[in-house]
Amino acid sequence: MKKIKMKGKTVDEAIEGALKVLGEEKERVDIKVLSEGKAGLLGVFGGEEAEVEVRQKGTKEEDAVEVLQEILNLMGMMAVAEGAGMEGADVQLNIKGEELGRVIGKDGATLKSIQTIVSSIVSREFAEKVRVFVDAGGYRERHDASLIRLAKEAAKDVEQNGQEKRLPPMSAADRRVIHVALKDNDKVTTYSEGEGADRRLIIAPK
C-alpha cells in the first residue's frame, strides 16, 4: 500500500493533490490531517501550509502485515512479517527471521502482546472487531498442538471418571483452541469460568 504526505493551502487542496498522485478516490484511502495550516498576515506573510498523510486502503491481511512489520522494525528485529491467509474471518500472520525467541518471549507472552496490539490497530482501522493471530518460527503451531493433546487427555479422564476437570488459567485464544478441539466430542462439554487472568476452561461430562 502506498502512503504519501502532501501540503496545500488548505486541507482539501492537500487531500486533492495526494489523491491525484495516488490515482485514487477519496473513499479508497485513509486520511490523517497532520496540520490544518495557518493563514498568514494579510493572507500573505507568515502563513503555514496544511499537510495531510494519505494512505491507500488494503485488505485486512495487508493492513495487519504492515502494522506487524512496523512493530518488528521498532523492536529492532531482523525479521519479516508475512500474511499466512485467512481462516474464516480471522487474519493469520507469520514472522520469519533471526532471534525469534525475542519475539516469542517467555511462554509466548511477547508474541501474545504483539498479536493483541496488531488486532487492536487493524480493528480500529476497519471499524470492526478483527482477530489477528501471529506465529513465529512455528511456535503457535507447536503451542496449539500441545493444547490439543492436553484437551484430549483431560477429556478422556472426564469420560472415564464422570467428573469435570478444571484446566489451568489461560488466555481466550488458548481456551478457544480447546473449545474447537472438543466441539465434536459427544461425551463432554466445555465452558469457561472466572474473570480476567484467572479465567479457566472446564471440561465436564454431558
C-alpha atoms as a PDB file:
ATOM      1  CA  MET A   1       0.000   0.000   0.000  1.00  0.00           C
ATOM      2  CA  LYS A   2       1.254   3.448  -0.890  1.00  0.00           C
ATOM      3  CA  LYS A   3       1.352   6.270   1.643  1.00  0.00           C
ATOM      4  CA  ILE A   4       2.304   9.871   0.954  1.00  0.00           C
ATOM      5  CA  LYS A   5       2.341  13.249   2.665  1.00  0.00           C
ATOM      6  CA  MET A   6       1.096  16.293   0.806  1.00  0.00           C
ATOM      7  CA  LYS A   7       0.897  20.007   1.552  1.00  0.00           C
ATOM      8  CA  GLY A   8      -1.511  22.600   0.244  1.00  0.00           C
ATOM      9  CA  LYS A   9      -3.005  25.989   1.006  1.00  0.00           C
ATOM     10  CA  THR A  10      -5.922  24.184   2.648  1.00  0.00           C
ATOM     11  CA  VAL A  11      -6.575  20.648   3.913  1.00  0.00           C
ATOM     12  CA  ASP A  12      -8.906  19.991   0.967  1.00  0.00           C
ATOM     13  CA  GLU A  13      -6.266  21.149  -1.500  1.00  0.00           C
ATOM     14  CA  ALA A  14      -3.645  18.903   0.119  1.00  0.00           C
ATOM     15  CA  ILE A  15      -6.008  15.914   0.001  1.00  0.00           C
ATOM     16  CA  GLU A  16      -6.865  16.582  -3.645  1.00  0.00           C
ATOM     17  CA  GLY A  17      -3.188  16.721  -4.545  1.00  0.00           C
ATOM     18  CA  ALA A  18      -2.461  13.457  -2.741  1.00  0.00           C
ATOM     19  CA  LEU A  19      -5.370  11.698  -4.463  1.00  0.00           C
ATOM     20  CA  LYS A  20      -4.073  12.785  -7.862  1.00  0.00           C
ATOM     21  CA  VAL A  21      -0.597  11.426  -7.099  1.00  0.00           C
ATOM     22  CA  LEU A  22      -2.009   8.103  -5.868  1.00  0.00           C
ATOM     23  CA  GLY A  23      -4.615   7.911  -8.614  1.00  0.00           C
ATOM     24  CA  GLU A  24      -7.253   7.023  -6.026  1.00  0.00           C
ATOM     25  CA  GLU A  25     -10.758   8.049  -4.997  1.00  0.00           C
ATOM     26  CA  LYS A  26     -11.339   9.570  -1.563  1.00  0.00           C
ATOM     27  CA  GLU A  27     -13.394   6.547  -0.461  1.00  0.00           C
ATOM     28  CA  ARG A  28     -10.463   4.197  -1.060  1.00  0.00           C
ATOM     29  CA  VAL A  29      -7.925   5.920   1.200  1.00  0.00           C
ATOM     30  CA  ASP A  30      -7.303   6.716   4.862  1.00  0.00           C
ATOM     31  CA  ILE A  31      -6.632  10.387   5.541  1.00  0.00           C
ATOM     32  CA  LYS A  32      -4.756  11.819   8.511  1.00  0.00           C
ATOM     33  CA  VAL A  33      -4.575  15.600   8.903  1.00  0.00           C
ATOM     34  CA  LEU A  34      -1.068  16.463  10.148  1.00  0.00           C
ATOM     35  CA  SER A  35      -1.571  20.221  10.095  1.00  0.00           C
ATOM     36  CA  GLU A  36      -4.604  22.361   9.278  1.00  0.00           C
ATOM     37  CA  GLY A  37      -2.336  25.220   8.261  1.00  0.00           C
ATOM     38  CA  LYS A  38      -2.390  28.815   9.388  1.00  0.00           C
ATOM     39  CA  ALA A  39      -3.333  31.920   7.493  1.00  0.00           C
ATOM     40  CA  GLY A  40      -0.563  34.486   7.059  1.00  0.00           C
ATOM     41  CA  LEU A  41      -0.648  38.168   7.889  1.00  0.00           C
ATOM     42  CA  LEU A  42      -2.851  39.889   5.307  1.00  0.00           C
ATOM     43  CA  GLY A  43      -3.223  36.446   3.720  1.00  0.00           C
ATOM     44  CA  VAL A  44       0.399  36.517   2.582  1.00  0.00           C
ATOM     45  CA  PHE A  45       3.105  36.739   5.271  1.00  0.00           C
ATOM     46  CA  GLY A  46       3.970  34.082   7.851  1.00  0.00           C
ATOM     47  CA  GLY A  47       1.416  31.566   6.729  1.00  0.00           C
ATOM     48  CA  GLU A  48       1.714  27.814   7.175  1.00  0.00           C
ATOM     49  CA  GLU A  49       0.531  25.237   4.669  1.00  0.00           C
ATOM     50  CA  ALA A  50      -1.850  22.453   5.605  1.00  0.00           C
ATOM     51  CA  GLU A  51      -0.387  18.947   5.491  1.00  0.00           C
ATOM     52  CA  VAL A  52      -2.054  15.552   5.250  1.00  0.00           C
ATOM     53  CA  GLU A  53      -0.982  11.916   5.136  1.00  0.00           C
ATOM     54  CA  VAL A  54      -2.971   9.789   2.707  1.00  0.00           C
ATOM     55  CA  ARG A  55      -2.695   6.003   2.623  1.00  0.00           C
ATOM     56  CA  GLN A  56      -4.299   3.549   0.244  1.00  0.00           C
ATOM     57  CA  LYS A  57      -6.622   1.094   1.954  1.00  0.00           C
ATOM     58  CA  GLY A  58      -5.674  -2.547   1.687  1.00  0.00           C
ATOM     59  CA  THR A  59      -7.274  -5.798   2.784  1.00  0.00           C
ATOM     60  CA  LYS A  60      -7.328  -6.720   6.464  1.00  0.00           C
ATOM     61  CA  GLU A  61      -4.417  -9.076   5.872  1.00  0.00           C
ATOM     62  CA  GLU A  62      -2.376  -6.428   4.056  1.00  0.00           C
ATOM     63  CA  ASP A  63      -3.006  -3.875   6.804  1.00  0.00           C
ATOM     64  CA  ALA A  64      -2.127  -6.414   9.505  1.00  0.00           C
ATOM     65  CA  VAL A  65       1.152  -7.305   7.760  1.00  0.00           C
ATOM     66  CA  GLU A  66       2.076  -3.620   7.525  1.00  0.00           C
ATOM     67  CA  VAL A  67       1.299  -2.977  11.197  1.00  0.00           C
ATOM     68  CA  LEU A  68       3.227  -6.068  12.324  1.00  0.00           C
ATOM     69  CA  GLN A  69       6.250  -5.105  10.212  1.00  0.00           C
ATOM     70  CA  GLU A  70       6.297  -1.623  11.768  1.00  0.00           C
ATOM     71  CA  ILE A  71       6.272  -3.183  15.255  1.00  0.00           C
ATOM     72  CA  LEU A  72       9.141  -5.521  14.346  1.00  0.00           C
ATOM     73  CA  ASN A  73      11.116  -2.579  12.954  1.00  0.00           C
ATOM     74  CA  LEU A  74      10.562  -0.589  16.154  1.00  0.00           C
ATOM     75  CA  MET A  75      11.803  -3.599  18.142  1.00  0.00           C
ATOM     76  CA  GLY A  76      14.969  -3.593  16.049  1.00  0.00           C
ATOM     77  CA  MET A  77      14.281  -7.115  14.828  1.00  0.00           C
ATOM     78  CA  MET A  78      15.831  -8.595  11.702  1.00  0.00           C
ATOM     79  CA  ALA A  79      12.509 -10.188  10.849  1.00  0.00           C
ATOM     80  CA  VAL A  80       9.867 -10.068   8.148  1.00  0.00           C
ATOM     81  CA  ALA A  81       6.089 -10.142   8.614  1.00  0.00           C
ATOM     82  CA  GLU A  82       4.155 -12.258   6.137  1.00  0.00           C
ATOM     83  CA  GLY A  83       0.494 -12.941   5.516  1.00  0.00           C
ATOM     84  CA  ALA A  84      -0.498 -16.561   6.058  1.00  0.00           C
ATOM     85  CA  GLY A  85      -4.021 -16.306   4.680  1.00  0.00           C
ATOM     86  CA  MET A  86      -7.446 -16.020   6.274  1.00  0.00           C
ATOM     87  CA  GLU A  87      -9.086 -18.627   8.491  1.00  0.00           C
ATOM     88  CA  GLY A  88     -12.734 -17.693   8.280  1.00  0.00           C
ATOM     89  CA  ALA A  89     -12.813 -14.047   9.353  1.00  0.00           C
ATOM     90  CA  ASP A  90      -9.500 -14.322  11.246  1.00  0.00           C
ATOM     91  CA  VAL A  91      -6.220 -12.995   9.866  1.00  0.00           C
ATOM     92  CA  GLN A  92      -3.221 -15.328  10.073  1.00  0.00           C
ATOM     93  CA  LEU A  93       0.311 -13.858  10.064  1.00  0.00           C
ATOM     94  CA  ASN A  94       3.779 -15.336  10.306  1.00  0.00           C
ATOM     95  CA  ILE A  95       7.138 -13.910  11.338  1.00  0.00           C
ATOM     96  CA  LYS A  96      10.361 -15.114   9.744  1.00  0.00           C
ATOM     97  CA  GLY A  97      13.843 -14.025  10.682  1.00  0.00           C
ATOM     98  CA  GLU A  98      16.548 -14.216  13.323  1.00  0.00           C
ATOM     99  CA  GLU A  99      16.337 -14.150  17.137  1.00  0.00           C
ATOM    100  CA  LEU A 100      12.687 -15.152  17.085  1.00  0.00           C
ATOM    101  CA  GLY A 101      12.993 -16.007  20.771  1.00  0.00           C
ATOM    102  CA  ARG A 102      12.840 -12.272  21.472  1.00  0.00           C
ATOM    103  CA  VAL A 103       9.609 -12.011  19.523  1.00  0.00           C
ATOM    104  CA  ILE A 104       8.066 -15.041  21.219  1.00  0.00           C
ATOM    105  CA  GLY A 105       9.109 -14.200  24.792  1.00  0.00           C
ATOM    106  CA  LYS A 106       8.674 -16.366  27.877  1.00  0.00           C
ATOM    107  CA  ASP A 107       5.724 -18.749  27.391  1.00  0.00           C
ATOM    108  CA  GLY A 108       4.808 -16.772  24.270  1.00  0.00           C
ATOM    109  CA  ALA A 109       3.991 -13.630  26.287  1.00  0.00           C
ATOM    110  CA  THR A 110       5.646 -11.170  23.886  1.00  0.00           C
ATOM    111  CA  LEU A 111       4.050 -12.816  20.860  1.00  0.00           C
ATOM    112  CA  LYS A 112       0.621 -12.598  22.523  1.00  0.00           C
ATOM    113  CA  SER A 113       1.158  -8.907  23.290  1.00  0.00           C
ATOM    114  CA  ILE A 114       2.161  -8.202  19.684  1.00  0.00           C
ATOM    115  CA  GLN A 115      -0.893 -10.120  18.489  1.00  0.00           C
ATOM    116  CA  THR A 116      -3.165  -8.043  20.749  1.00  0.00           C
ATOM    117  CA  ILE A 117      -1.671  -4.765  19.513  1.00  0.00           C
ATOM    118  CA  VAL A 118      -1.990  -5.714  15.826  1.00  0.00           C
ATOM    119  CA  SER A 119      -5.588  -6.874  16.338  1.00  0.00           C
ATOM    120  CA  SER A 120      -6.462  -3.612  18.093  1.00  0.00           C
ATOM    121  CA  ILE A 121      -4.941  -1.367  15.409  1.00  0.00           C
ATOM    122  CA  VAL A 122      -6.485  -3.256  12.488  1.00  0.00           C
ATOM    123  CA  SER A 123      -9.876  -3.345  14.246  1.00  0.00           C
ATOM    124  CA  ARG A 124      -9.715   0.436  14.669  1.00  0.00           C
ATOM    125  CA  GLU A 125      -8.769   0.970  11.029  1.00  0.00           C
ATOM    126  CA  PHE A 126     -11.678  -1.164   9.771  1.00  0.00           C
ATOM    127  CA  ALA A 127     -14.140  -0.007  12.455  1.00  0.00           C
ATOM    128  CA  GLU A 128     -14.949  -3.626  13.363  1.00  0.00           C
ATOM    129  CA  LYS A 129     -13.501  -6.382  15.519  1.00  0.00           C
ATOM    130  CA  VAL A 130     -10.713  -8.150  13.628  1.00  0.00           C
ATOM    131  CA  ARG A 131      -8.868 -11.069  15.230  1.00  0.00           C
ATOM    132  CA  VAL A 132      -5.262 -11.413  14.138  1.00  0.00           C
ATOM    133  CA  PHE A 133      -3.200 -14.485  15.020  1.00  0.00           C
ATOM    134  CA  VAL A 134       0.585 -14.260  14.793  1.00  0.00           C
ATOM    135  CA  ASP A 135       3.039 -17.163  14.626  1.00  0.00           C
ATOM    136  CA  ALA A 136       6.831 -17.065  14.753  1.00  0.00           C
ATOM    137  CA  GLY A 137       9.086 -19.953  13.814  1.00  0.00           C
ATOM    138  CA  GLY A 138       6.206 -22.395  14.166  1.00  0.00           C
ATOM    139  CA  TYR A 139       5.753 -21.570  17.884  1.00  0.00           C
ATOM    140  CA  ARG A 140       1.980 -21.098  17.650  1.00  0.00           C
ATOM    141  CA  GLU A 141       1.545 -24.375  15.785  1.00  0.00           C
ATOM    142  CA  ARG A 142       3.557 -26.277  18.393  1.00  0.00           C
ATOM    143  CA  HIS A 143       1.778 -24.498  21.244  1.00  0.00           C
ATOM    144  CA  ASP A 144      -1.678 -25.252  19.817  1.00  0.00           C
ATOM    145  CA  ALA A 145      -0.690 -28.895  19.278  1.00  0.00           C
ATOM    146  CA  SER A 146       0.265 -29.204  22.962  1.00  0.00           C
ATOM    147  CA  LEU A 147      -3.063 -27.633  23.986  1.00  0.00           C
ATOM    148  CA  ILE A 148      -4.971 -30.112  21.832  1.00  0.00           C
ATOM    149  CA  ARG A 149      -3.077 -33.021  23.431  1.00  0.00           C
ATOM    150  CA  LEU A 150      -3.917 -31.609  26.872  1.00  0.00           C
ATOM    151  CA  ALA A 151      -7.580 -31.245  25.894  1.00  0.00           C
ATOM    152  CA  LYS A 152      -7.889 -34.808  24.616  1.00  0.00           C
ATOM    153  CA  GLU A 153      -6.156 -36.306  27.656  1.00  0.00           C
ATOM    154  CA  ALA A 154      -8.366 -34.286  30.014  1.00  0.00           C
ATOM    155  CA  ALA A 155     -11.492 -35.242  28.064  1.00  0.00           C
ATOM    156  CA  LYS A 156     -10.540 -38.916  28.310  1.00  0.00           C
ATOM    157  CA  ASP A 157     -10.254 -38.593  32.117  1.00  0.00           C
ATOM    158  CA  VAL A 158     -13.671 -36.923  32.276  1.00  0.00           C
ATOM    159  CA  GLU A 159     -15.228 -39.684  30.163  1.00  0.00           C
ATOM    160  CA  GLN A 160     -13.754 -42.406  32.387  1.00  0.00           C
ATOM    161  CA  ASN A 161     -14.360 -40.782  35.791  1.00  0.00           C
ATOM    162  CA  GLY A 162     -17.562 -38.865  35.060  1.00  0.00           C
ATOM    163  CA  GLN A 163     -16.186 -35.820  36.905  1.00  0.00           C
ATOM    164  CA  GLU A 164     -15.466 -32.399  35.455  1.00  0.00           C
ATOM    165  CA  LYS A 165     -11.864 -31.262  35.072  1.00  0.00           C
ATOM    166  CA  ARG A 166     -10.665 -27.689  35.632  1.00  0.00           C
ATOM    167  CA  LEU A 167      -7.767 -26.674  33.421  1.00  0.00           C
ATOM    168  CA  PRO A 168      -5.181 -24.047  34.440  1.00  0.00           C
ATOM    169  CA  PRO A 169      -5.984 -20.351  33.749  1.00  0.00           C
ATOM    170  CA  MET A 170      -5.259 -19.480  30.133  1.00  0.00           C
ATOM    171  CA  SER A 171      -5.849 -16.812  27.510  1.00  0.00           C
ATOM    172  CA  ALA A 172      -9.029 -16.530  25.457  1.00  0.00           C
ATOM    173  CA  ALA A 173      -7.117 -17.701  22.375  1.00  0.00           C
ATOM    174  CA  ASP A 174      -5.874 -20.835  24.171  1.00  0.00           C
ATOM    175  CA  ARG A 175      -9.334 -21.596  25.555  1.00  0.00           C
ATOM    176  CA  ARG A 176     -10.724 -21.259  22.032  1.00  0.00           C
ATOM    177  CA  VAL A 177      -8.242 -23.858  20.728  1.00  0.00           C
ATOM    178  CA  ILE A 178      -9.512 -26.351  23.311  1.00  0.00           C
ATOM    179  CA  HIS A 179     -13.170 -25.488  22.693  1.00  0.00           C
ATOM    180  CA  VAL A 180     -12.676 -26.194  18.986  1.00  0.00           C
ATOM    181  CA  ALA A 181     -10.676 -29.386  19.634  1.00  0.00           C
ATOM    182  CA  LEU A 182     -13.503 -30.882  21.715  1.00  0.00           C
ATOM    183  CA  LYS A 183     -16.584 -29.458  19.983  1.00  0.00           C
ATOM    184  CA  ASP A 184     -17.275 -32.741  18.145  1.00  0.00           C
ATOM    185  CA  ASN A 185     -16.825 -34.900  21.250  1.00  0.00           C
ATOM    186  CA  ASP A 186     -20.343 -36.043  22.139  1.00  0.00           C
ATOM    187  CA  LYS A 187     -19.340 -37.221  25.627  1.00  0.00           C
ATOM    188  CA  VAL A 188     -18.026 -33.961  27.086  1.00  0.00           C
ATOM    189  CA  THR A 189     -18.834 -30.271  27.021  1.00  0.00           C
ATOM    190  CA  THR A 190     -16.643 -27.232  27.705  1.00  0.00           C
ATOM    191  CA  TYR A 191     -17.294 -23.856  29.302  1.00  0.00           C
ATOM    192  CA  SER A 192     -15.259 -21.024  30.808  1.00  0.00           C
ATOM    193  CA  GLU A 193     -15.317 -19.823  34.404  1.00  0.00           C
ATOM    194  CA  GLY A 194     -13.658 -16.995  36.317  1.00  0.00           C
ATOM    195  CA  GLU A 195     -12.585 -13.466  35.483  1.00  0.00           C
ATOM    196  CA  GLY A 196      -9.527 -11.865  33.914  1.00  0.00           C
ATOM    197  CA  ALA A 197      -6.229 -13.683  34.359  1.00  0.00           C
ATOM    198  CA  ASP A 198      -7.970 -16.345  36.499  1.00  0.00           C
ATOM    199  CA  ARG A 199     -10.461 -17.326  33.783  1.00  0.00           C
ATOM    200  CA  ARG A 200     -10.126 -21.022  33.021  1.00  0.00           C
ATOM    201  CA  LEU A 201     -11.808 -23.713  30.964  1.00  0.00           C
ATOM    202  CA  ILE A 202     -13.859 -26.530  32.481  1.00  0.00           C
ATOM    203  CA  ILE A 203     -14.349 -29.892  30.741  1.00  0.00           C
ATOM    204  CA  ALA A 204     -17.470 -31.626  32.040  1.00  0.00           C
ATOM    205  CA  PRO A 205     -19.394 -34.797  31.144  1.00  0.00           C
ATOM    206  CA  LYS A 206     -22.526 -34.301  29.038  1.00  0.00           C
END
